[in-house]
């Protein structure tokens, strides 16, 4: 018996890295989005044997010209009818510009057709983390010139600092960074995917799970009002005592599917003003540019907040399964191999920490929501 996907039929262009083995970039995006019922076209920005966390890999980066050529090839065969675009890791400023040109062209196409809500761009500005850039310096201004064309951006805390120019040290500076991104750049929706500063939250219960540290992190999201004021919410969640690769890529792919679902199938508890057809007869949210909710919509009823809750639910379940599997896999290695050198141990740990997605489809499609959005 088939199960009807809750995400409406959606054609997604996913622009990100590709690895032959493992789960990062488009290897995650394609699988997750197809599992949620979306059609996906993958435009790969790198072709590596494995992700760089292994500290050794082979492969090549795609040039800006190659990105443009691939896009032109899609257009000439009328294969450019995309409802959404997800852009992740892009190698270099000129390549970022080439990807940006694709997003701008798809935006113009929707505007020319008079269907402002028919295209939605989710941009993950992959630049660095934990205070360190892992791209060239000129990538930062390239993204700054681009984010005003996106509908939703997904920076981590460090990337949000780079884009806003605001050092995030406390809740006040966090709110200021979001305000700058809304007001000065006009970004409609923002989710900062990993906020490490303490934020008050009542949603985390103590857990006895051995993989959890007792520490918490948060995501902070906001959908701007008509005058570009923030509508802030936060969701806090427990931290696992493991290193995982590809978590940002999984978050981004899930967010594409869940924001699409949220604007198409509002929950019964949500405000009537975010339903497919407003009670006053105005256009539905899915027909508006950037799928912006009316100013009267409560923060916790925002489609972005409801989408983020489901995304984090899936993330938490997949990471729990991955951590459990990693512990068992490394125990087997130790029992079988005995002591191994430091390099081999790192490679084995890297392999064991690959996200366990294929055997955990239920976590992607129908997670149990434990951590709820709260107003900031």
Protein backbone atom coordinates (compact mmCIF):
# COMPACT_ATOMS: atom_id res chain seq x y z
CA UNK A 1 0.00 0.00 0.00
CA UNK A 2 1.50 3.34 -1.07
CA UNK A 3 1.65 6.36 1.24
CA UNK A 4 0.72 9.70 -0.28
CA UNK A 5 3.47 12.29 0.39
CA UNK A 6 2.34 15.27 2.44
CA UNK A 7 4.73 17.53 0.55
CA UNK A 8 2.99 18.69 -2.64
CA UNK A 9 4.52 17.82 -5.97
CA UNK A 10 7.68 19.92 -6.07
CA UNK A 11 10.53 20.17 -8.56
CA UNK A 12 13.77 21.16 -6.82
CA UNK A 13 17.12 22.22 -8.23
CA UNK A 14 19.78 21.20 -5.68
CA UNK A 15 23.16 22.87 -6.12
CA UNK A 16 25.80 21.47 -3.77
CA UNK A 17 28.84 19.22 -3.47
CA UNK A 18 28.94 15.53 -4.36
CA UNK A 19 30.92 12.70 -2.82
CA UNK A 20 31.25 9.18 -4.22
CA UNK A 21 31.12 7.63 -0.75
CA UNK A 22 29.34 9.01 2.29
CA UNK A 23 26.58 11.46 3.08
CA UNK A 24 27.18 15.16 2.63
CA UNK A 25 26.03 17.82 0.15
CA UNK A 26 23.88 16.59 -2.69
CA UNK A 27 24.25 12.97 -1.61
CA UNK A 28 22.08 13.96 1.34
CA UNK A 29 19.89 16.52 -0.43
CA UNK A 30 18.83 14.23 -3.27
CA UNK A 31 18.03 11.29 -1.00
CA UNK A 32 16.16 13.33 1.60
CA UNK A 33 14.12 15.31 -0.89
CA UNK A 34 13.21 12.28 -2.99
CA UNK A 35 12.25 10.41 0.18
CA UNK A 36 9.88 13.28 0.99
CA UNK A 37 8.27 13.08 -2.45
CA UNK A 38 10.12 15.82 -4.33
CA UNK A 39 11.60 15.56 -7.81
CA UNK A 40 15.26 16.64 -7.67
CA UNK A 41 17.77 17.77 -10.28
CA UNK A 42 21.31 17.72 -8.84
CA UNK A 43 23.87 20.22 -10.03
CA UNK A 44 27.09 19.15 -8.32
CA UNK A 45 29.68 21.81 -7.50
CA UNK A 46 32.46 19.40 -6.55
CA UNK A 47 33.14 15.74 -7.30
CA UNK A 48 35.14 14.24 -4.42
CA UNK A 49 35.83 10.65 -3.42
CA UNK A 50 34.73 11.44 0.16
CA UNK A 51 34.16 14.49 2.33
CA UNK A 52 37.11 16.56 3.49
CA UNK A 53 36.67 15.62 7.16
CA UNK A 54 38.60 12.44 6.35
CA UNK A 55 41.63 14.74 5.82
CA UNK A 56 42.40 12.98 2.55
CA UNK A 57 40.40 12.83 -0.66
CA UNK A 58 40.63 12.93 -4.44
CA UNK A 59 38.52 14.80 -6.95
CA UNK A 60 37.81 18.09 -8.63
CA UNK A 61 35.91 21.33 -8.14
CA UNK A 62 33.49 22.57 -10.80
CA UNK A 63 34.30 25.95 -12.32
CA UNK A 64 31.89 28.86 -12.67
CA UNK A 65 31.82 28.28 -16.42
CA UNK A 66 30.92 24.62 -15.98
CA UNK A 67 28.06 25.57 -13.65
CA UNK A 68 26.78 28.03 -16.25
CA UNK A 69 27.16 25.45 -19.04
CA UNK A 70 25.18 22.85 -17.10
CA UNK A 71 22.41 25.39 -16.48
CA UNK A 72 22.36 26.38 -20.15
CA UNK A 73 22.09 22.69 -21.05
CA UNK A 74 19.01 22.34 -18.85
CA UNK A 75 17.39 25.39 -20.40
CA UNK A 76 17.96 24.35 -23.99
CA UNK A 77 16.03 21.14 -23.34
CA UNK A 78 13.26 22.91 -21.37
CA UNK A 79 14.37 21.24 -18.13
CA UNK A 80 14.43 24.45 -16.10
CA UNK A 81 10.93 24.39 -14.58
CA UNK A 82 11.83 24.45 -10.90
CA UNK A 83 9.52 25.33 -8.01
CA UNK A 84 12.36 25.57 -5.49
CA UNK A 85 16.12 25.85 -5.44
CA UNK A 86 18.49 24.72 -2.71
CA UNK A 87 22.06 25.99 -2.89
CA UNK A 88 24.78 24.70 -0.59
CA UNK A 89 28.56 24.50 -0.85
CA UNK A 90 29.95 26.40 -3.85
CA UNK A 91 33.73 26.55 -4.42
CA UNK A 92 34.87 30.14 -4.92
CA UNK A 93 33.41 33.60 -5.45
CA UNK A 94 32.97 33.32 -9.22
CA UNK A 95 31.12 30.02 -8.78
CA UNK A 96 28.91 31.62 -6.11
CA UNK A 97 28.10 34.35 -8.64
CA UNK A 98 27.26 31.73 -11.28
CA UNK A 99 24.90 29.94 -8.90
CA UNK A 100 23.40 33.30 -7.95
CA UNK A 101 22.69 34.03 -11.59
CA UNK A 102 20.63 30.83 -11.77
CA UNK A 103 18.59 31.86 -8.75
CA UNK A 104 18.05 35.35 -10.12
CA UNK A 105 16.95 33.98 -13.49
CA UNK A 106 14.43 31.63 -11.89
CA UNK A 107 13.15 34.55 -9.79
CA UNK A 108 12.71 36.75 -12.92
CA UNK A 109 10.94 33.91 -14.68
CA UNK A 110 8.34 33.66 -11.90
CA UNK A 111 7.86 37.44 -11.84
CA UNK A 112 7.46 37.64 -15.61
CA UNK A 113 4.76 34.97 -15.44
CA UNK A 114 3.00 36.96 -12.71
CA UNK A 115 3.32 34.03 -10.29
CA UNK A 116 5.40 35.49 -7.47
CA UNK A 117 5.00 32.48 -5.19
CA UNK A 118 5.92 29.92 -7.83
CA UNK A 119 9.64 29.98 -6.97
CA UNK A 120 11.34 29.80 -3.57
CA UNK A 121 15.12 29.83 -3.03
CA UNK A 122 16.68 28.29 0.08
CA UNK A 123 20.29 29.44 0.35
CA UNK A 124 22.79 27.85 2.73
CA UNK A 125 25.77 30.27 2.69
CA UNK A 126 28.49 27.71 3.39
CA UNK A 127 31.58 29.67 4.43
CA UNK A 128 32.91 28.39 7.74
CA UNK A 129 32.17 27.50 11.34
CA UNK A 130 33.52 27.92 14.86
CA UNK A 131 35.21 31.21 13.99
CA UNK A 132 37.11 29.84 10.97
CA UNK A 133 36.58 30.37 7.25
CA UNK A 134 37.03 27.35 5.00
CA UNK A 135 36.48 29.28 1.79
CA UNK A 136 38.45 32.12 0.19
CA UNK A 137 37.94 35.59 1.68
CA UNK A 138 36.20 36.89 -1.45
CA UNK A 139 33.35 34.39 -1.00
CA UNK A 140 31.97 36.46 1.90
CA UNK A 141 31.21 39.61 -0.15
CA UNK A 142 29.93 37.36 -2.95
CA UNK A 143 27.27 35.99 -0.61
CA UNK A 144 26.52 39.43 0.83
CA UNK A 145 25.65 40.63 -2.68
CA UNK A 146 23.41 37.61 -3.20
CA UNK A 147 21.35 36.97 -0.08
CA UNK A 148 18.78 39.67 -0.83
CA UNK A 149 17.63 37.53 -3.78
CA UNK A 150 17.04 34.44 -1.60
CA UNK A 151 13.81 33.69 0.25
CA UNK A 152 15.30 31.75 3.15
CA UNK A 153 18.92 31.68 4.31
CA UNK A 154 20.38 29.06 6.66
CA UNK A 155 23.65 30.37 8.13
CA UNK A 156 25.26 28.93 11.22
CA UNK A 157 26.18 31.39 13.97
CA UNK A 158 29.59 32.23 12.48
CA UNK A 159 28.14 32.72 9.00
CA UNK A 160 25.37 34.94 10.40
CA UNK A 161 28.08 37.09 11.97
CA UNK A 162 29.95 37.34 8.66
CA UNK A 163 26.83 38.33 6.72
CA UNK A 164 25.39 40.79 9.26
CA UNK A 165 28.65 42.26 10.54
CA UNK A 166 27.37 41.71 14.10
CA UNK A 167 29.36 39.62 16.59
CA UNK A 168 26.88 37.35 18.37
CA UNK A 169 27.68 37.10 22.07
CA UNK A 170 24.28 37.29 23.79
CA UNK A 171 20.56 37.36 22.97
CA UNK A 172 20.64 41.12 22.27
CA UNK A 173 23.40 40.86 19.66
CA UNK A 174 21.68 37.81 18.17
CA UNK A 175 18.49 39.82 17.68
CA UNK A 176 20.52 42.65 16.16
CA UNK A 177 22.14 40.30 13.64
CA UNK A 178 18.71 39.05 12.55
CA UNK A 179 17.38 42.62 12.37
CA UNK A 180 20.26 43.64 10.07
CA UNK A 181 19.67 40.69 7.76
CA UNK A 182 15.96 41.53 7.50
CA UNK A 183 16.15 45.31 7.27
CA UNK A 184 19.39 45.99 5.43
CA UNK A 185 19.43 42.95 3.15
CA UNK A 186 15.69 42.30 2.90
CA UNK A 187 16.02 38.56 3.60
CA UNK A 188 12.42 37.36 4.20
CA UNK A 189 13.16 34.22 6.24
CA UNK A 190 16.20 33.37 8.36
CA UNK A 191 17.14 30.30 10.36
CA UNK A 192 20.45 30.40 12.22
CA UNK A 193 21.12 26.69 12.45
CA UNK A 194 23.49 26.40 15.42
CA UNK A 195 23.46 29.02 18.15
CA UNK A 196 25.81 28.22 21.02
CA UNK A 197 25.07 31.16 23.33
CA UNK A 198 22.75 30.38 26.27
CA UNK A 199 19.08 30.95 25.46
CA UNK A 200 16.29 30.40 27.95
CA UNK A 201 14.24 27.35 27.01
CA UNK A 202 11.71 25.22 28.84
CA UNK A 203 11.46 22.62 26.07
CA UNK A 204 14.43 20.43 26.94
CA UNK A 205 13.86 17.70 29.43
CA UNK A 206 16.81 15.94 31.00
CA UNK A 207 17.78 12.86 29.04
CA UNK A 208 19.46 9.66 30.12
CA UNK A 209 20.61 8.83 26.59
CA UNK A 210 24.29 7.94 26.84
CA UNK A 211 25.22 9.80 23.64
CA UNK A 212 23.88 13.14 24.92
CA UNK A 213 26.11 15.57 26.77
CA UNK A 214 23.57 17.42 28.90
CA UNK A 215 24.42 20.58 26.94
CA UNK A 216 21.99 22.30 24.61
CA UNK A 217 22.17 24.29 21.40
CA UNK A 218 19.48 26.27 19.64
CA UNK A 219 18.26 27.23 16.24
CA UNK A 220 16.86 30.73 15.92
CA UNK A 221 14.42 31.60 13.17
CA UNK A 222 12.57 34.67 12.00
CA UNK A 223 10.10 35.67 9.30
CA UNK A 224 10.04 39.40 8.70
CA UNK A 225 6.91 41.56 8.79
CA UNK A 226 5.82 43.83 5.94
CA UNK A 227 8.08 46.58 7.34
CA UNK A 228 11.01 44.16 7.78
CA UNK A 229 10.72 43.70 11.52
CA UNK A 230 11.88 40.36 12.94
CA UNK A 231 9.45 37.76 14.26
CA UNK A 232 11.84 35.64 16.30
CA UNK A 233 11.51 32.13 17.66
CA UNK A 234 14.00 29.65 19.06
CA UNK A 235 14.09 25.87 19.41
CA UNK A 236 16.59 24.35 21.81
CA UNK A 237 17.76 20.77 21.60
CA UNK A 238 20.28 18.49 23.37
CA UNK A 239 23.79 18.02 21.97
CA UNK A 240 25.22 14.57 21.20
CA UNK A 241 28.72 13.72 22.34
CA UNK A 242 29.80 12.88 18.79
CA UNK A 243 31.04 14.63 15.68
CA UNK A 244 28.75 14.27 12.69
CA UNK A 245 29.41 15.36 9.11
CA UNK A 246 26.64 16.57 6.83
CA UNK A 247 24.25 17.84 9.50
CA UNK A 248 23.91 21.25 7.86
CA UNK A 249 23.16 19.61 4.51
CA UNK A 250 20.47 17.41 6.06
CA UNK A 251 18.94 20.40 7.84
CA UNK A 252 18.80 22.40 4.59
CA UNK A 253 17.24 19.59 2.55
CA UNK A 254 14.63 18.87 5.21
CA UNK A 255 13.82 22.57 5.46
CA UNK A 256 13.09 22.73 1.73
CA UNK A 257 10.52 19.97 2.04
CA UNK A 258 9.02 21.11 5.34
CA UNK A 259 8.56 24.79 4.44
CA UNK A 260 6.83 23.65 1.25
CA UNK A 261 4.59 21.37 3.29
CA UNK A 262 3.89 24.05 5.91
CA UNK A 263 2.62 26.66 3.46
CA UNK A 264 0.54 24.11 1.59
CA UNK A 265 -1.04 22.29 4.52
CA UNK A 266 -1.44 24.65 7.46
CA UNK A 267 -2.16 22.99 10.79
CA UNK A 268 -5.65 23.30 12.21
CA UNK A 269 -4.30 25.28 15.17
CA UNK A 270 -2.74 27.94 12.99
CA UNK A 271 -4.13 31.38 12.34
CA UNK A 272 -6.66 31.61 9.53
CA UNK A 273 -4.48 34.23 7.87
CA UNK A 274 -1.89 31.63 6.88
CA UNK A 275 -4.33 29.23 5.30
CA UNK A 276 -4.32 28.50 1.61
CA UNK A 277 -7.19 30.94 1.15
CA UNK A 278 -7.52 33.82 3.54
CA UNK A 279 -10.94 34.46 5.03
CA UNK A 280 -11.03 37.92 3.47
CA UNK A 281 -10.55 36.48 0.00
CA UNK A 282 -6.99 37.74 -0.49
CA UNK A 283 -4.38 35.65 -2.26
CA UNK A 284 -3.09 32.61 -0.39
CA UNK A 285 0.36 32.57 1.16
CA UNK A 286 1.63 30.16 -1.50
CA UNK A 287 0.87 32.79 -4.15
CA UNK A 288 2.85 35.54 -2.40
CA UNK A 289 6.49 36.23 -3.08
CA UNK A 290 8.68 34.47 -0.49
CA UNK A 291 5.56 32.91 1.07
CA UNK A 292 5.38 35.72 3.63
CA UNK A 293 2.67 35.43 6.28
CA UNK A 294 0.55 38.45 7.17
CA UNK A 295 1.66 40.68 10.03
CA UNK A 296 -1.16 39.37 12.22
CA UNK A 297 0.20 35.82 12.25
CA UNK A 298 1.60 34.84 15.63
CA UNK A 299 5.26 33.87 15.77
CA UNK A 300 4.55 30.28 16.75
CA UNK A 301 2.04 29.91 13.90
CA UNK A 302 4.58 30.93 11.27
CA UNK A 303 5.14 28.23 8.62
CA UNK A 304 8.87 28.65 9.23
CA UNK A 305 8.48 27.77 12.93
CA UNK A 306 6.31 24.75 12.23
CA UNK A 307 8.72 23.56 9.54
CA UNK A 308 11.72 23.98 11.83
CA UNK A 309 10.10 21.87 14.54
CA UNK A 310 9.72 18.94 12.15
CA UNK A 311 13.21 19.41 10.74
CA UNK A 312 14.78 19.26 14.19
CA UNK A 313 12.67 16.24 15.11
CA UNK A 314 14.04 14.34 12.12
CA UNK A 315 17.56 15.56 12.82
CA UNK A 316 17.46 14.41 16.43
CA UNK A 317 16.20 10.94 15.55
CA UNK A 318 18.72 10.41 12.74
CA UNK A 319 21.61 11.61 14.92
CA UNK A 320 20.52 9.33 17.75
CA UNK A 321 20.56 6.32 15.42
CA UNK A 322 23.90 7.41 13.96
CA UNK A 323 25.48 7.83 17.41
CA UNK A 324 24.23 4.42 18.50
CA UNK A 325 25.53 2.82 15.33
CA UNK A 326 28.87 4.62 15.63
CA UNK A 327 29.42 3.34 19.18
CA UNK A 328 28.72 -0.25 18.11
CA UNK A 329 30.83 0.02 14.96
CA UNK A 330 33.88 1.41 16.77
CA UNK A 331 33.57 -1.25 19.49
CA UNK A 332 33.64 -3.91 16.78
CA UNK A 333 36.74 -2.35 15.24
CA UNK A 334 38.58 -2.29 18.57
CA UNK A 335 37.67 -5.90 19.29
CA UNK A 336 38.68 -7.04 15.83
CA UNK A 337 41.73 -4.92 15.10
CA UNK A 338 43.07 -4.13 18.55
CA UNK A 339 45.15 -0.97 18.69
CA UNK A 340 45.36 1.03 15.47
CA UNK A 341 47.46 4.06 14.58
CA UNK A 342 46.04 7.58 14.92
CA UNK A 343 45.45 8.10 11.19
CA UNK A 344 43.61 4.81 10.77
CA UNK A 345 41.52 5.50 13.85
CA UNK A 346 40.48 8.90 12.44
CA UNK A 347 39.49 7.33 9.10
CA UNK A 348 37.48 4.62 10.85
CA UNK A 349 35.72 7.18 13.05
CA UNK A 350 34.96 9.34 10.01
CA UNK A 351 33.37 6.39 8.27
CA UNK A 352 31.36 5.43 11.35
CA UNK A 353 30.04 8.98 11.74
CA UNK A 354 28.43 9.12 8.29
CA UNK A 355 24.73 9.89 8.81
CA UNK A 356 22.55 6.80 8.85
CA UNK A 357 19.78 7.83 6.48
CA UNK A 358 18.87 4.88 4.28
CA UNK A 359 17.68 2.62 7.09
CA UNK A 360 15.86 5.42 8.91
CA UNK A 361 13.31 6.70 6.43
CA UNK A 362 10.66 6.92 9.13
CA UNK A 363 12.76 9.54 10.93
CA UNK A 364 12.69 11.72 7.82
CA UNK A 365 9.05 11.27 6.93
CA UNK A 366 7.24 11.02 10.24
CA UNK A 367 9.36 12.09 13.23
CA UNK A 368 8.08 12.60 16.76
CA UNK A 369 8.29 16.29 17.65
CA UNK A 370 9.88 16.71 21.08
CA UNK A 371 11.33 20.22 20.90
CA UNK A 372 8.91 23.07 20.25
CA UNK A 373 9.43 26.62 19.08
CA UNK A 374 9.31 29.37 21.69
CA UNK A 375 9.11 33.14 21.26
CA UNK A 376 12.23 35.19 21.82
